[in-house]
Amino acid sequence: MALQKEFLLPTGIEASYWRVSRVEVLNGVDVSKVSLELYLDAEARQNGSRPCELYDVRLAGFTLSELEAEGVNPVALAYQKIKAYEGDSLPVNLQDALNV
């Protein structure tokens, strides 16, 4: 699972493959920390390339009780919340990103 949306890096290179690499739920504060990696494309990720950029995003409304619900995958939930995220930790809004 990943998101696809083109983003022009400051170096002038275009990257488009966004992957959640880590989800850290902060117990008792209703917040999680999600690490999001940006790769040139899916092929670069699959070939073991290093990410072009790494972003840490704090998401509210991501609770342990939500994760304890039957069938909840924390990474899938992180992608849902990243797509709804409107903060300033990301250089681009991913609401219209494709699920890949």
Protein backbone atom coordinates (compact mmCIF):
# COMPACT_ATOMS: atom_id res chain seq x y z
CA MET A 1 0.00 0.00 0.00
CA ALA A 2 1.20 3.52 -0.81
CA LEU A 3 0.02 6.84 -2.19
CA GLN A 4 0.88 8.30 -5.56
CA LYS A 5 1.01 12.03 -6.20
CA GLU A 6 3.66 13.98 -8.06
CA PHE A 7 5.77 16.45 -6.12
CA LEU A 8 8.60 18.62 -7.42
CA LEU A 9 11.55 18.46 -5.03
CA PRO A 10 13.70 21.56 -4.44
CA THR A 11 16.39 19.88 -6.55
CA GLY A 12 14.07 19.97 -9.57
CA ILE A 13 13.46 16.21 -9.53
CA GLU A 14 9.89 14.97 -9.56
CA ALA A 15 8.97 12.22 -7.09
CA SER A 16 5.59 10.56 -6.71
CA TYR A 17 5.58 7.49 -4.42
CA TRP A 18 4.60 8.14 -0.77
CA ARG A 19 5.02 5.26 1.69
CA VAL A 20 4.24 5.03 5.40
CA SER A 21 7.33 3.49 6.98
CA ARG A 22 6.43 3.78 10.66
CA VAL A 23 3.41 4.35 12.89
CA GLU A 24 4.04 5.25 16.51
CA VAL A 25 0.98 5.60 18.74
CA LEU A 26 1.59 7.87 21.70
CA ASN A 27 -0.40 6.27 24.49
CA GLY A 28 -2.86 8.46 26.38
CA VAL A 29 -2.53 11.60 24.24
CA ASP A 30 -4.76 10.77 21.23
CA VAL A 31 -1.86 11.45 18.85
CA SER A 32 0.35 9.33 16.64
CA LYS A 33 3.61 9.98 14.84
CA VAL A 34 3.72 8.68 11.29
CA SER A 35 6.89 8.57 9.21
CA LEU A 36 6.19 9.08 5.52
CA GLU A 37 8.88 8.40 2.90
CA LEU A 38 8.87 9.92 -0.59
CA TYR A 39 10.48 7.94 -3.42
CA LEU A 40 10.93 8.81 -7.09
CA ASP A 41 8.45 6.07 -7.97
CA ALA A 42 7.33 2.56 -7.01
CA GLU A 43 10.19 0.98 -8.96
CA ALA A 44 12.78 2.99 -7.01
CA ARG A 45 11.22 1.80 -3.75
CA GLN A 46 11.10 -1.84 -4.90
CA ASN A 47 14.73 -1.68 -6.05
CA GLY A 48 15.86 -0.67 -2.56
CA SER A 49 16.64 2.96 -3.32
CA ARG A 50 16.77 5.36 -0.41
CA PRO A 51 13.85 7.78 -0.05
CA CYS A 52 14.28 11.27 -1.50
CA GLU A 53 12.64 12.80 1.56
CA LEU A 54 11.31 11.71 4.95
CA TYR A 55 8.49 13.50 6.75
CA ASP A 56 7.29 13.00 10.31
CA VAL A 57 3.63 13.85 10.76
CA ARG A 58 1.71 14.01 14.03
CA LEU A 59 -1.89 12.93 13.61
CA ALA A 60 -4.67 13.58 16.11
CA GLY A 61 -7.51 11.13 16.64
CA PHE A 62 -5.35 8.04 16.34
CA THR A 63 -5.99 6.14 19.56
CA LEU A 64 -5.12 2.76 20.99
CA SER A 65 -8.82 1.97 21.36
CA GLU A 66 -9.25 2.66 17.63
CA LEU A 67 -6.43 0.26 16.87
CA GLU A 68 -7.80 -2.40 19.18
CA ALA A 69 -10.99 -2.60 17.14
CA GLU A 70 -11.19 -5.90 15.33
CA GLY A 71 -9.52 -5.83 11.93
CA VAL A 72 -7.92 -2.38 12.20
CA ASN A 73 -4.54 -2.17 10.47
CA PRO A 74 -2.49 0.76 11.87
CA VAL A 75 -0.71 1.37 8.57
CA ALA A 76 -3.96 1.42 6.57
CA LEU A 77 -5.44 3.80 9.15
CA ALA A 78 -2.35 6.02 8.84
CA TYR A 79 -2.87 6.29 5.07
CA GLN A 80 -6.51 7.30 5.61
CA LYS A 81 -5.51 9.98 8.09
CA ILE A 82 -2.61 11.23 5.93
CA LYS A 83 -5.05 11.77 3.06
CA ALA A 84 -7.21 13.92 5.36
CA TYR A 85 -4.23 15.76 6.92
CA GLU A 86 -4.21 19.55 6.55
CA GLY A 87 -1.22 20.52 8.70
CA ASP A 88 2.11 21.99 7.72
CA SER A 89 4.37 18.95 8.20
CA LEU A 90 3.98 17.93 4.55
CA PRO A 91 4.99 20.04 1.53
CA VAL A 92 1.92 18.96 -0.43
CA ASN A 93 -1.69 18.08 0.30
CA LEU A 94 -2.28 14.36 -0.32
CA GLN A 95 -6.10 14.39 -0.22
CA ASP A 96 -6.32 13.64 -3.94
CA ALA A 97 -3.42 11.15 -4.01
CA LEU A 98 -4.12 7.77 -5.60
CA ASN A 99 -4.05 4.65 -3.46
CA VAL A 100 -1.56 2.24 -5.01
